[in-house]
Amino acid sequence: MKLKTILLFAFLLLSKSIFPQSALNEIKAFEKERYQALINADIATTTKLISPDLLYTHSNLTFEDKEAYLLALKSGKYKFESFFTDSTQYVFLNKKTVIAAGLVHMQGRYFDTPYKLDGRFTAVYIKRKKQWQLAAWQTTKKVN
């Protein structure tokens, strides 16, 4: 059991160097496109960039699948004025699965009430048919 744990830990540490810089650049471009689609309320692009089996957990503990998330975006429940991440670390589990974790900063409106959120996020990205998609998202709000 200890050997399996050590090997898994070593794999996760080494995974950053196993995959080329181009793979990291691909993920960063995907993230930028997704965040911009949210700011632009571009439902078509957002739909393309999220997995059919999306698991999305908001900082207020609301949980949504793809259908509920897209419905909320279409209805205007969530309106993003800014959305960006930083200090992000990436773990490439393989060529088609990446875990990202870092800081998230977003501002906008929730049911027409202005909000600003700073916190941490964890995301899982998968690649299907040459397209990266968000498969899971979890946000934890920073407590002052």
N, C-alpha and C. Protein backbone atom coordinates (compact mmCIF):
# COMPACT_ATOMS: atom_id res chain seq x y z
N MET A 1 0.83 -1.20 0.00
CA MET A 1 0.00 0.00 0.00
C MET A 1 0.87 1.26 0.00
N LYS A 2 1.92 1.27 0.80
CA LYS A 2 2.80 2.43 0.85
C LYS A 2 3.48 2.66 -0.49
N LEU A 3 3.88 1.58 -1.14
CA LEU A 3 4.54 1.70 -2.44
C LEU A 3 3.60 2.33 -3.47
N LYS A 4 2.33 1.92 -3.47
CA LYS A 4 1.37 2.50 -4.40
C LYS A 4 1.19 3.99 -4.15
N THR A 5 1.14 4.39 -2.89
CA THR A 5 0.99 5.79 -2.53
C THR A 5 2.20 6.59 -2.98
N ILE A 6 3.37 6.06 -2.74
CA ILE A 6 4.62 6.72 -3.15
C ILE A 6 4.68 6.86 -4.66
N LEU A 7 4.31 5.81 -5.37
CA LEU A 7 4.34 5.86 -6.84
C LEU A 7 3.33 6.87 -7.38
N LEU A 8 2.13 6.92 -6.79
CA LEU A 8 1.14 7.89 -7.23
C LEU A 8 1.64 9.30 -6.98
N PHE A 9 2.19 9.55 -5.82
CA PHE A 9 2.71 10.88 -5.49
C PHE A 9 3.84 11.26 -6.45
N ALA A 10 4.73 10.33 -6.72
CA ALA A 10 5.84 10.60 -7.66
C ALA A 10 5.29 10.91 -9.05
N PHE A 11 4.28 10.16 -9.48
CA PHE A 11 3.68 10.41 -10.79
C PHE A 11 3.09 11.81 -10.85
N LEU A 12 2.37 12.21 -9.81
CA LEU A 12 1.77 13.54 -9.80
C LEU A 12 2.82 14.64 -9.82
N LEU A 13 3.91 14.44 -9.11
CA LEU A 13 4.98 15.43 -9.12
C LEU A 13 5.67 15.52 -10.47
N LEU A 14 5.88 14.37 -11.07
CA LEU A 14 6.58 14.33 -12.35
C LEU A 14 5.68 14.68 -13.53
N SER A 15 4.39 14.64 -13.34
CA SER A 15 3.47 14.84 -14.47
C SER A 15 3.64 16.20 -15.12
N LYS A 16 4.08 17.19 -14.36
CA LYS A 16 4.29 18.51 -14.94
C LYS A 16 5.37 18.47 -16.01
N SER A 17 6.38 17.64 -15.81
CA SER A 17 7.48 17.60 -16.76
C SER A 17 7.25 16.58 -17.87
N ILE A 18 6.30 15.67 -17.70
CA ILE A 18 6.05 14.64 -18.71
C ILE A 18 5.39 15.25 -19.94
N PHE A 19 4.50 16.21 -19.76
CA PHE A 19 3.74 16.77 -20.85
C PHE A 19 4.40 18.07 -21.31
N PRO A 20 4.43 18.30 -22.60
CA PRO A 20 5.14 19.46 -23.14
C PRO A 20 4.45 20.78 -22.82
N GLN A 21 5.21 21.83 -22.96
CA GLN A 21 4.71 23.19 -22.73
C GLN A 21 3.49 23.47 -23.61
N SER A 22 3.46 22.89 -24.80
CA SER A 22 2.33 23.12 -25.71
C SER A 22 1.02 22.64 -25.10
N ALA A 23 1.05 21.54 -24.33
CA ALA A 23 -0.16 21.04 -23.67
C ALA A 23 -0.63 22.05 -22.62
N LEU A 24 0.29 22.60 -21.87
CA LEU A 24 -0.05 23.61 -20.87
C LEU A 24 -0.62 24.86 -21.54
N ASN A 25 -0.02 25.26 -22.65
CA ASN A 25 -0.52 26.43 -23.39
C ASN A 25 -1.93 26.18 -23.91
N GLU A 26 -2.20 24.96 -24.35
CA GLU A 26 -3.54 24.59 -24.81
C GLU A 26 -4.58 24.76 -23.71
N ILE A 27 -4.24 24.27 -22.52
CA ILE A 27 -5.16 24.38 -21.38
C ILE A 27 -5.38 25.84 -21.01
N LYS A 28 -4.33 26.62 -20.97
CA LYS A 28 -4.47 28.04 -20.61
C LYS A 28 -5.32 28.79 -21.64
N ALA A 29 -5.17 28.47 -22.91
CA ALA A 29 -5.98 29.09 -23.96
C ALA A 29 -7.45 28.67 -23.81
N PHE A 30 -7.66 27.40 -23.49
CA PHE A 30 -9.02 26.91 -23.25
C PHE A 30 -9.67 27.66 -22.09
N GLU A 31 -8.94 27.81 -20.99
CA GLU A 31 -9.48 28.52 -19.83
C GLU A 31 -9.85 29.96 -20.19
N LYS A 32 -8.94 30.62 -20.89
CA LYS A 32 -9.18 32.01 -21.28
C LYS A 32 -10.43 32.12 -22.16
N GLU A 33 -10.59 31.19 -23.09
CA GLU A 33 -11.77 31.18 -23.96
C GLU A 33 -13.05 30.96 -23.15
N ARG A 34 -13.00 30.04 -22.18
CA ARG A 34 -14.18 29.75 -21.36
C ARG A 34 -14.57 30.95 -20.51
N TYR A 35 -13.57 31.58 -19.88
CA TYR A 35 -13.87 32.74 -19.04
C TYR A 35 -14.44 33.89 -19.88
N GLN A 36 -13.89 34.11 -21.07
CA GLN A 36 -14.38 35.17 -21.93
C GLN A 36 -15.80 34.87 -22.40
N ALA A 37 -16.09 33.61 -22.69
CA ALA A 37 -17.45 33.22 -23.09
C ALA A 37 -18.45 33.53 -21.97
N LEU A 38 -18.05 33.31 -20.71
CA LEU A 38 -18.93 33.63 -19.59
C LEU A 38 -19.17 35.13 -19.49
N ILE A 39 -18.12 35.92 -19.64
CA ILE A 39 -18.25 37.38 -19.58
C ILE A 39 -19.14 37.88 -20.71
N ASN A 40 -18.99 37.29 -21.90
CA ASN A 40 -19.78 37.70 -23.06
C ASN A 40 -21.17 37.09 -23.08
N ALA A 41 -21.50 36.26 -22.10
CA ALA A 41 -22.77 35.52 -22.07
C ALA A 41 -22.97 34.75 -23.38
N ASP A 42 -21.88 34.18 -23.86
CA ASP A 42 -21.87 33.41 -25.11
C ASP A 42 -22.22 31.95 -24.79
N ILE A 43 -23.50 31.65 -24.84
CA ILE A 43 -24.01 30.33 -24.46
C ILE A 43 -23.51 29.25 -25.42
N ALA A 44 -23.44 29.56 -26.70
CA ALA A 44 -23.00 28.56 -27.69
C ALA A 44 -21.57 28.11 -27.40
N THR A 45 -20.69 29.05 -27.15
CA THR A 45 -19.30 28.69 -26.84
C THR A 45 -19.21 27.99 -25.51
N THR A 46 -19.92 28.48 -24.52
CA THR A 46 -19.90 27.84 -23.20
C THR A 46 -20.39 26.41 -23.30
N THR A 47 -21.44 26.18 -24.07
CA THR A 47 -21.98 24.82 -24.25
C THR A 47 -20.92 23.90 -24.83
N LYS A 48 -20.17 24.38 -25.80
CA LYS A 48 -19.12 23.60 -26.45
C LYS A 48 -17.97 23.29 -25.48
N LEU A 49 -17.72 24.19 -24.54
CA LEU A 49 -16.56 24.08 -23.67
C LEU A 49 -16.82 23.35 -22.35
N ILE A 50 -18.05 22.88 -22.14
CA ILE A 50 -18.32 22.10 -20.93
C ILE A 50 -18.81 20.71 -21.29
N SER A 51 -18.42 19.78 -20.47
CA SER A 51 -18.72 18.37 -20.70
C SER A 51 -20.21 18.09 -20.53
N PRO A 52 -20.74 17.12 -21.28
CA PRO A 52 -22.14 16.73 -21.10
C PRO A 52 -22.44 16.25 -19.68
N ASP A 53 -21.43 15.72 -19.00
CA ASP A 53 -21.63 15.23 -17.63
C ASP A 53 -21.00 16.16 -16.60
N LEU A 54 -21.12 17.46 -16.83
CA LEU A 54 -20.56 18.48 -15.94
C LEU A 54 -21.05 18.32 -14.50
N LEU A 55 -20.13 18.51 -13.56
CA LEU A 55 -20.44 18.59 -12.13
C LEU A 55 -19.94 19.96 -11.67
N TYR A 56 -20.83 20.88 -11.35
CA TYR A 56 -20.45 22.25 -11.03
C TYR A 56 -20.95 22.60 -9.63
N THR A 57 -20.01 22.87 -8.73
CA THR A 57 -20.35 23.24 -7.36
C THR A 57 -19.94 24.69 -7.13
N HIS A 58 -20.90 25.53 -6.82
CA HIS A 58 -20.67 26.95 -6.57
C HIS A 58 -20.21 27.17 -5.12
N SER A 59 -19.69 28.35 -4.86
CA SER A 59 -19.21 28.67 -3.51
C SER A 59 -20.35 28.74 -2.50
N ASN A 60 -21.60 28.92 -2.96
CA ASN A 60 -22.75 28.95 -2.05
C ASN A 60 -23.35 27.56 -1.85
N LEU A 61 -22.63 26.53 -2.29
CA LEU A 61 -22.98 25.11 -2.17
C LEU A 61 -24.05 24.67 -3.17
N THR A 62 -24.46 25.55 -4.07
CA THR A 62 -25.38 25.15 -5.13
C THR A 62 -24.65 24.19 -6.07
N PHE A 63 -25.31 23.13 -6.44
CA PHE A 63 -24.73 22.13 -7.32
C PHE A 63 -25.56 22.06 -8.59
N GLU A 64 -24.89 22.05 -9.75
CA GLU A 64 -25.61 21.99 -11.02
C GLU A 64 -24.93 21.02 -11.99
N ASP A 65 -25.76 20.38 -12.79
CA ASP A 65 -25.25 19.61 -13.92
C ASP A 65 -25.24 20.56 -15.12
N LYS A 66 -24.87 20.04 -16.28
CA LYS A 66 -24.75 20.90 -17.45
C LYS A 66 -26.07 21.59 -17.79
N GLU A 67 -27.15 20.83 -17.79
CA GLU A 67 -28.45 21.38 -18.15
C GLU A 67 -28.85 22.53 -17.21
N ALA A 68 -28.71 22.33 -15.92
CA ALA A 68 -29.08 23.37 -14.94
C ALA A 68 -28.15 24.58 -15.04
N TYR A 69 -26.86 24.33 -15.25
CA TYR A 69 -25.88 25.42 -15.36
C TYR A 69 -26.19 26.28 -16.58
N LEU A 70 -26.43 25.65 -17.73
CA LEU A 70 -26.74 26.41 -18.94
C LEU A 70 -28.07 27.15 -18.82
N LEU A 71 -29.04 26.53 -18.19
CA LEU A 71 -30.33 27.19 -17.97
C LEU A 71 -30.15 28.44 -17.11
N ALA A 72 -29.34 28.34 -16.08
CA ALA A 72 -29.08 29.49 -15.21
C ALA A 72 -28.37 30.61 -15.98
N LEU A 73 -27.42 30.25 -16.83
CA LEU A 73 -26.73 31.26 -17.64
C LEU A 73 -27.69 31.91 -18.63
N LYS A 74 -28.51 31.11 -19.29
CA LYS A 74 -29.46 31.63 -20.28
C LYS A 74 -30.49 32.56 -19.64
N SER A 75 -30.91 32.23 -18.43
CA SER A 75 -31.93 33.03 -17.75
C SER A 75 -31.38 34.35 -17.19
N GLY A 76 -30.07 34.47 -17.16
CA GLY A 76 -29.46 35.67 -16.59
C GLY A 76 -29.25 35.59 -15.09
N LYS A 77 -29.46 34.43 -14.52
CA LYS A 77 -29.25 34.24 -13.08
C LYS A 77 -27.81 34.62 -12.71
N TYR A 78 -26.86 34.19 -13.55
CA TYR A 78 -25.45 34.56 -13.36
C TYR A 78 -25.05 35.47 -14.50
N LYS A 79 -24.54 36.63 -14.16
CA LYS A 79 -23.99 37.55 -15.15
C LYS A 79 -22.57 37.90 -14.70
N PHE A 80 -21.62 37.58 -15.55
CA PHE A 80 -20.22 37.80 -15.21
C PHE A 80 -19.71 39.08 -15.86
N GLU A 81 -19.11 39.94 -15.05
CA GLU A 81 -18.46 41.14 -15.57
C GLU A 81 -16.96 40.92 -15.68
N SER A 82 -16.42 40.12 -14.79
CA SER A 82 -15.02 39.71 -14.87
C SER A 82 -14.90 38.31 -14.28
N PHE A 83 -13.94 37.56 -14.82
CA PHE A 83 -13.72 36.19 -14.37
C PHE A 83 -12.30 35.83 -14.76
N PHE A 84 -11.44 35.65 -13.77
CA PHE A 84 -10.08 35.22 -14.08
C PHE A 84 -9.50 34.43 -12.93
N THR A 85 -8.47 33.69 -13.24
CA THR A 85 -7.79 32.87 -12.25
C THR A 85 -6.31 33.21 -12.27
N ASP A 86 -5.66 32.90 -11.16
CA ASP A 86 -4.21 33.05 -11.11
C ASP A 86 -3.63 32.05 -10.11
N SER A 87 -2.31 32.00 -10.06
CA SER A 87 -1.60 31.06 -9.18
C SER A 87 -2.05 29.62 -9.43
N THR A 88 -2.42 29.35 -10.66
CA THR A 88 -2.96 28.03 -10.99
C THR A 88 -1.85 27.00 -11.16
N GLN A 89 -2.08 25.84 -10.58
CA GLN A 89 -1.18 24.70 -10.75
C GLN A 89 -1.95 23.63 -11.51
N TYR A 90 -1.24 22.91 -12.35
CA TYR A 90 -1.87 21.91 -13.21
C TYR A 90 -1.23 20.55 -12.98
N VAL A 91 -2.07 19.54 -12.95
CA VAL A 91 -1.61 18.15 -12.89
C VAL A 91 -2.20 17.44 -14.10
N PHE A 92 -1.33 17.01 -14.99
CA PHE A 92 -1.76 16.26 -16.17
C PHE A 92 -1.79 14.78 -15.78
N LEU A 93 -2.99 14.23 -15.66
CA LEU A 93 -3.10 12.82 -15.33
C LEU A 93 -2.77 11.95 -16.54
N ASN A 94 -3.10 12.47 -17.71
CA ASN A 94 -2.74 11.85 -18.98
C ASN A 94 -2.96 12.90 -20.06
N LYS A 95 -2.90 12.54 -21.31
CA LYS A 95 -3.03 13.50 -22.40
C LYS A 95 -4.43 14.08 -22.53
N LYS A 96 -5.40 13.46 -21.85
CA LYS A 96 -6.80 13.90 -21.99
C LYS A 96 -7.47 14.27 -20.68
N THR A 97 -6.71 14.35 -19.59
CA THR A 97 -7.29 14.68 -18.29
C THR A 97 -6.33 15.56 -17.51
N VAL A 98 -6.83 16.72 -17.09
CA VAL A 98 -6.01 17.68 -16.34
C VAL A 98 -6.80 18.17 -15.13
N ILE A 99 -6.11 18.26 -14.00
CA ILE A 99 -6.68 18.88 -12.81
C ILE A 99 -5.99 20.22 -12.64
N ALA A 100 -6.78 21.26 -12.42
CA ALA A 100 -6.24 22.60 -12.20
C ALA A 100 -6.75 23.10 -10.85
N ALA A 101 -5.91 23.82 -10.15
CA ALA A 101 -6.31 24.41 -8.86
C ALA A 101 -5.57 25.73 -8.69
N GLY A 102 -6.28 26.72 -8.18
CA GLY A 102 -5.66 28.02 -7.99
C GLY A 102 -6.62 29.00 -7.37
N LEU A 103 -6.36 30.27 -7.63
CA LEU A 103 -7.20 31.34 -7.12
C LEU A 103 -8.16 31.80 -8.20
N VAL A 104 -9.38 32.10 -7.82
CA VAL A 104 -10.38 32.60 -8.77
C VAL A 104 -10.88 33.95 -8.28
N HIS A 105 -11.11 34.84 -9.24
CA HIS A 105 -11.63 36.18 -8.95
C HIS A 105 -12.74 36.44 -9.95
N MET A 106 -13.93 36.69 -9.45
CA MET A 106 -15.04 36.97 -10.36
C MET A 106 -15.91 38.07 -9.78
N GLN A 107 -16.53 38.77 -10.69
CA GLN A 107 -17.42 39.86 -10.30
C GLN A 107 -18.58 39.86 -11.28
N GLY A 108 -19.76 40.19 -10.78
CA GLY A 108 -20.91 40.23 -11.66
C GLY A 108 -22.19 40.44 -10.89
N ARG A 109 -23.24 39.76 -11.38
CA ARG A 109 -24.54 39.87 -10.74
C ARG A 109 -25.12 38.47 -10.56
N TYR A 110 -25.73 38.28 -9.43
CA TYR A 110 -26.45 37.05 -9.12
C TYR A 110 -27.88 37.46 -8.83
N PHE A 111 -28.82 37.09 -9.73
CA PHE A 111 -30.21 37.57 -9.63
C PHE A 111 -30.24 39.10 -9.51
N ASP A 112 -29.47 39.78 -10.32
CA ASP A 112 -29.38 41.24 -10.35
C ASP A 112 -28.78 41.87 -9.10
N THR A 113 -28.26 41.07 -8.18
CA THR A 113 -27.56 41.59 -7.02
C THR A 113 -26.07 41.55 -7.29
N PRO A 114 -25.38 42.69 -7.21
CA PRO A 114 -23.94 42.70 -7.48
C PRO A 114 -23.19 41.81 -6.49
N TYR A 115 -22.16 41.16 -6.98
CA TYR A 115 -21.31 40.35 -6.10
C TYR A 115 -19.87 40.40 -6.59
N LYS A 116 -18.99 40.11 -5.66
CA LYS A 116 -17.57 39.96 -5.96
C LYS A 116 -17.11 38.75 -5.18
N LEU A 117 -16.42 37.85 -5.85
CA LEU A 117 -15.95 36.64 -5.19
C LEU A 117 -14.47 36.44 -5.44
N ASP A 118 -13.75 36.24 -4.37
CA ASP A 118 -12.35 35.82 -4.42
C ASP A 118 -12.27 34.51 -3.66
N GLY A 119 -11.61 33.55 -4.22
CA GLY A 119 -11.52 32.27 -3.54
C GLY A 119 -10.57 31.31 -4.24
N ARG A 120 -10.77 30.05 -3.94
CA ARG A 120 -9.97 28.98 -4.56
C ARG A 120 -10.88 28.15 -5.44
N PHE A 121 -10.28 27.54 -6.43
CA PHE A 121 -11.05 26.67 -7.31
C PHE A 121 -10.26 25.40 -7.59
N THR A 122 -10.99 24.37 -7.89
CA THR A 122 -10.43 23.13 -8.43
C THR A 122 -11.28 22.79 -9.64
N ALA A 123 -10.61 22.48 -10.75
CA ALA A 123 -11.31 22.15 -11.98
C ALA A 123 -10.72 20.87 -12.56
N VAL A 124 -11.56 20.12 -13.24
CA VAL A 124 -11.12 18.94 -13.98
C VAL A 124 -11.47 19.19 -15.44
N TYR A 125 -10.47 19.07 -16.29
CA TYR A 125 -10.66 19.25 -17.72
C TYR A 125 -10.42 17.92 -18.43
N ILE A 126 -11.24 17.65 -19.41
CA ILE A 126 -11.06 16.44 -20.22
C ILE A 126 -11.05 16.85 -21.69
N LYS A 127 -10.39 16.04 -22.48
CA LYS A 127 -10.32 16.31 -23.92
C LYS A 127 -11.13 15.26 -24.65
N ARG A 128 -12.11 15.73 -25.43
CA ARG A 128 -12.96 14.85 -26.24
C ARG A 128 -12.96 15.38 -27.66
N LYS A 129 -12.65 14.50 -28.60
CA LYS A 129 -12.65 14.87 -30.02
C LYS A 129 -11.87 16.15 -30.26
N LYS A 130 -10.67 16.20 -29.71
CA LYS A 130 -9.73 17.33 -29.89
C LYS A 130 -10.20 18.63 -29.25
N GLN A 131 -11.20 18.57 -28.37
CA GLN A 131 -11.73 19.76 -27.71
C GLN A 131 -11.65 19.60 -26.19
N TRP A 132 -10.98 20.54 -25.51
CA TRP A 132 -10.97 20.52 -24.06
C TRP A 132 -12.34 20.95 -23.56
N GLN A 133 -12.77 20.32 -22.47
CA GLN A 133 -14.05 20.66 -21.84
C GLN A 133 -13.90 20.65 -20.32
N LEU A 134 -14.68 21.49 -19.67
CA LEU A 134 -14.75 21.49 -18.22
C LEU A 134 -15.65 20.35 -17.79
N ALA A 135 -15.12 19.44 -16.97
CA ALA A 135 -15.91 18.30 -16.48
C ALA A 135 -16.38 18.52 -15.05
N ALA A 136 -15.60 19.25 -14.26
CA ALA A 136 -15.98 19.51 -12.87
C ALA A 136 -15.37 20.83 -12.41
N TRP A 137 -16.10 21.52 -11.54
CA TRP A 137 -15.65 22.80 -10.99
C TRP A 137 -16.12 22.89 -9.55
N GLN A 138 -15.25 23.33 -8.67
CA GLN A 138 -15.58 23.53 -7.26
C GLN A 138 -14.95 24.85 -6.83
N THR A 139 -15.75 25.75 -6.28
CA THR A 139 -15.25 27.03 -5.80
C THR A 139 -15.42 27.11 -4.29
N THR A 140 -14.41 27.60 -3.62
CA THR A 140 -14.48 27.85 -2.19
C THR A 140 -14.21 29.33 -1.97
N LYS A 141 -15.18 30.01 -1.40
CA LYS A 141 -15.07 31.45 -1.16
C LYS A 141 -14.05 31.76 -0.09
N LYS A 142 -13.26 32.80 -0.34
CA LYS A 142 -12.29 33.26 0.64
C LYS A 142 -13.04 33.90 1.82
N VAL A 143 -12.68 33.49 3.01
CA VAL A 143 -13.28 34.06 4.21
C VAL A 143 -12.36 35.14 4.74
N ASN A 144 -12.93 36.32 4.97
CA ASN A 144 -12.09 37.45 5.43
C ASN A 144 -11.70 37.33 6.87
